[in-house]
Amino acid sequence: MTHIKTAISLQKPLFEQANALAREMRVSRSRLFVLALEDFIRRYQNQQLLDKINSAYEDATDSNEEFRLRQMRHQQRQIVEGEW
């Protein structure tokens, strides 16, 4: 795997927090940034996927689907009431 060096600018308090965390985790600062970026990308992709799934399910049901749902609920009530 090819490694590419990059430079980033951080505010001093954030840089100090990153240094402290890297020491605590016993990893290099570079490794800490890689872990953080990987996590950020994974969370972003998961949110994108969730948004797509939610978008697919937010379709309003049409009148035909509503009719079938009412029939199914009625049928289910009849079955359940007969068992109790």
C-alpha atoms as a PDB file:
ATOM      1  CA  MET A   1       0.000   0.000   0.000  1.00  0.00           C
ATOM      2  CA  THR A   2       1.362   3.396  -0.965  1.00  0.00           C
ATOM      3  CA  HIS A   3       1.639   6.013   1.749  1.00  0.00           C
ATOM      4  CA  ILE A   4       1.205   9.687   0.961  1.00  0.00           C
ATOM      5  CA  LYS A   5       2.368  12.427   3.265  1.00  0.00           C
ATOM      6  CA  THR A   6       0.085  15.363   3.824  1.00  0.00           C
ATOM      7  CA  ALA A   7       0.150  18.463   5.962  1.00  0.00           C
ATOM      8  CA  ILE A   8      -2.803  19.756   7.938  1.00  0.00           C
ATOM      9  CA  SER A   9      -3.296  22.861  10.016  1.00  0.00           C
ATOM     10  CA  LEU A  10      -4.793  22.493  13.483  1.00  0.00           C
ATOM     11  CA  GLN A  11      -5.522  24.925  16.222  1.00  0.00           C
ATOM     12  CA  LYS A  12      -3.032  24.500  19.050  1.00  0.00           C
ATOM     13  CA  PRO A  13      -5.538  23.126  21.636  1.00  0.00           C
ATOM     14  CA  LEU A  14      -6.693  20.422  19.195  1.00  0.00           C
ATOM     15  CA  PHE A  15      -3.098  19.544  18.340  1.00  0.00           C
ATOM     16  CA  GLU A  16      -2.272  19.205  22.033  1.00  0.00           C
ATOM     17  CA  GLN A  17      -5.301  16.978  22.597  1.00  0.00           C
ATOM     18  CA  ALA A  18      -4.253  14.801  19.650  1.00  0.00           C
ATOM     19  CA  ASN A  19      -0.726  14.524  21.037  1.00  0.00           C
ATOM     20  CA  ALA A  20      -2.016  13.562  24.469  1.00  0.00           C
ATOM     21  CA  LEU A  21      -4.391  10.978  23.038  1.00  0.00           C
ATOM     22  CA  ALA A  22      -1.694   9.488  20.802  1.00  0.00           C
ATOM     23  CA  ARG A  23       0.586   9.113  23.825  1.00  0.00           C
ATOM     24  CA  GLU A  24      -2.232   7.560  25.867  1.00  0.00           C
ATOM     25  CA  MET A  25      -3.055   5.125  23.067  1.00  0.00           C
ATOM     26  CA  ARG A  26       0.645   4.486  22.442  1.00  0.00           C
ATOM     27  CA  VAL A  27       0.363   5.200  18.725  1.00  0.00           C
ATOM     28  CA  SER A  28       2.008   7.811  16.562  1.00  0.00           C
ATOM     29  CA  ARG A  29       0.203  11.020  15.769  1.00  0.00           C
ATOM     30  CA  SER A  30       0.017   9.896  12.155  1.00  0.00           C
ATOM     31  CA  ARG A  31      -1.613   6.623  13.193  1.00  0.00           C
ATOM     32  CA  LEU A  32      -4.095   8.518  15.369  1.00  0.00           C
ATOM     33  CA  PHE A  33      -5.073  10.728  12.425  1.00  0.00           C
ATOM     34  CA  VAL A  34      -5.447   7.672  10.179  1.00  0.00           C
ATOM     35  CA  LEU A  35      -7.692   5.961  12.750  1.00  0.00           C
ATOM     36  CA  ALA A  36      -9.778   9.108  13.155  1.00  0.00           C
ATOM     37  CA  LEU A  37     -10.171   9.601   9.409  1.00  0.00           C
ATOM     38  CA  GLU A  38     -11.076   5.949   8.836  1.00  0.00           C
ATOM     39  CA  ASP A  39     -13.715   6.194  11.544  1.00  0.00           C
ATOM     40  CA  PHE A  40     -15.077   9.448  10.133  1.00  0.00           C
ATOM     41  CA  ILE A  41     -15.325   7.993   6.609  1.00  0.00           C
ATOM     42  CA  ARG A  42     -17.009   4.807   7.887  1.00  0.00           C
ATOM     43  CA  ARG A  43     -19.570   6.825   9.870  1.00  0.00           C
ATOM     44  CA  TYR A  44     -20.214   9.112   6.910  1.00  0.00           C
ATOM     45  CA  GLN A  45     -20.755   6.173   4.552  1.00  0.00           C
ATOM     46  CA  ASN A  46     -23.067   4.485   7.060  1.00  0.00           C
ATOM     47  CA  GLN A  47     -25.104   7.696   7.368  1.00  0.00           C
ATOM     48  CA  GLN A  48     -25.306   7.977   3.580  1.00  0.00           C
ATOM     49  CA  LEU A  49     -26.564   4.392   3.376  1.00  0.00           C
ATOM     50  CA  LEU A  50     -29.098   4.986   6.145  1.00  0.00           C
ATOM     51  CA  ASP A  51     -30.326   8.119   4.365  1.00  0.00           C
ATOM     52  CA  LYS A  52     -30.813   6.129   1.148  1.00  0.00           C
ATOM     53  CA  ILE A  53     -32.680   3.359   2.980  1.00  0.00           C
ATOM     54  CA  ASN A  54     -34.901   5.872   4.768  1.00  0.00           C
ATOM     55  CA  SER A  55     -35.553   7.661   1.487  1.00  0.00           C
ATOM     56  CA  ALA A  56     -36.612   4.403  -0.156  1.00  0.00           C
ATOM     57  CA  TYR A  57     -39.056   3.645   2.663  1.00  0.00           C
ATOM     58  CA  GLU A  58     -40.614   7.088   2.938  1.00  0.00           C
ATOM     59  CA  ASP A  59     -42.704   6.579  -0.170  1.00  0.00           C
ATOM     60  CA  ALA A  60     -46.349   7.168   0.569  1.00  0.00           C
ATOM     61  CA  THR A  61     -48.544   4.142   0.061  1.00  0.00           C
ATOM     62  CA  ASP A  62     -50.972   4.370  -2.819  1.00  0.00           C
ATOM     63  CA  SER A  63     -54.701   3.710  -2.470  1.00  0.00           C
ATOM     64  CA  ASN A  64     -54.337   0.101  -3.640  1.00  0.00           C
ATOM     65  CA  GLU A  65     -51.713  -0.593  -0.950  1.00  0.00           C
ATOM     66  CA  GLU A  66     -53.880   1.090   1.685  1.00  0.00           C
ATOM     67  CA  PHE A  67     -56.813  -1.109   0.707  1.00  0.00           C
ATOM     68  CA  ARG A  68     -54.685  -4.263   0.958  1.00  0.00           C
ATOM     69  CA  LEU A  69     -53.316  -3.185   4.336  1.00  0.00           C
ATOM     70  CA  ARG A  70     -56.840  -2.645   5.683  1.00  0.00           C
ATOM     71  CA  GLN A  71     -57.859  -6.089   4.416  1.00  0.00           C
ATOM     72  CA  MET A  72     -54.814  -7.714   6.023  1.00  0.00           C
ATOM     73  CA  ARG A  73     -55.447  -5.985   9.360  1.00  0.00           C
ATOM     74  CA  HIS A  74     -59.097  -7.041   9.286  1.00  0.00           C
ATOM     75  CA  GLN A  75     -58.109 -10.634   8.490  1.00  0.00           C
ATOM     76  CA  GLN A  76     -55.503 -10.658  11.243  1.00  0.00           C
ATOM     77  CA  ARG A  77     -58.036  -9.361  13.798  1.00  0.00           C
ATOM     78  CA  GLN A  78     -60.458 -12.116  12.843  1.00  0.00           C
ATOM     79  CA  ILE A  79     -57.785 -14.786  13.206  1.00  0.00           C
ATOM     80  CA  VAL A  80     -56.512 -13.456  16.551  1.00  0.00           C
ATOM     81  CA  GLU A  81     -60.004 -12.973  18.008  1.00  0.00           C
ATOM     82  CA  GLY A  82     -60.868 -16.548  17.060  1.00  0.00           C
ATOM     83  CA  GLU A  83     -57.836 -17.901  18.930  1.00  0.00           C
ATOM     84  CA  TRP A  84     -58.411 -15.967  22.149  1.00  0.00           C
END
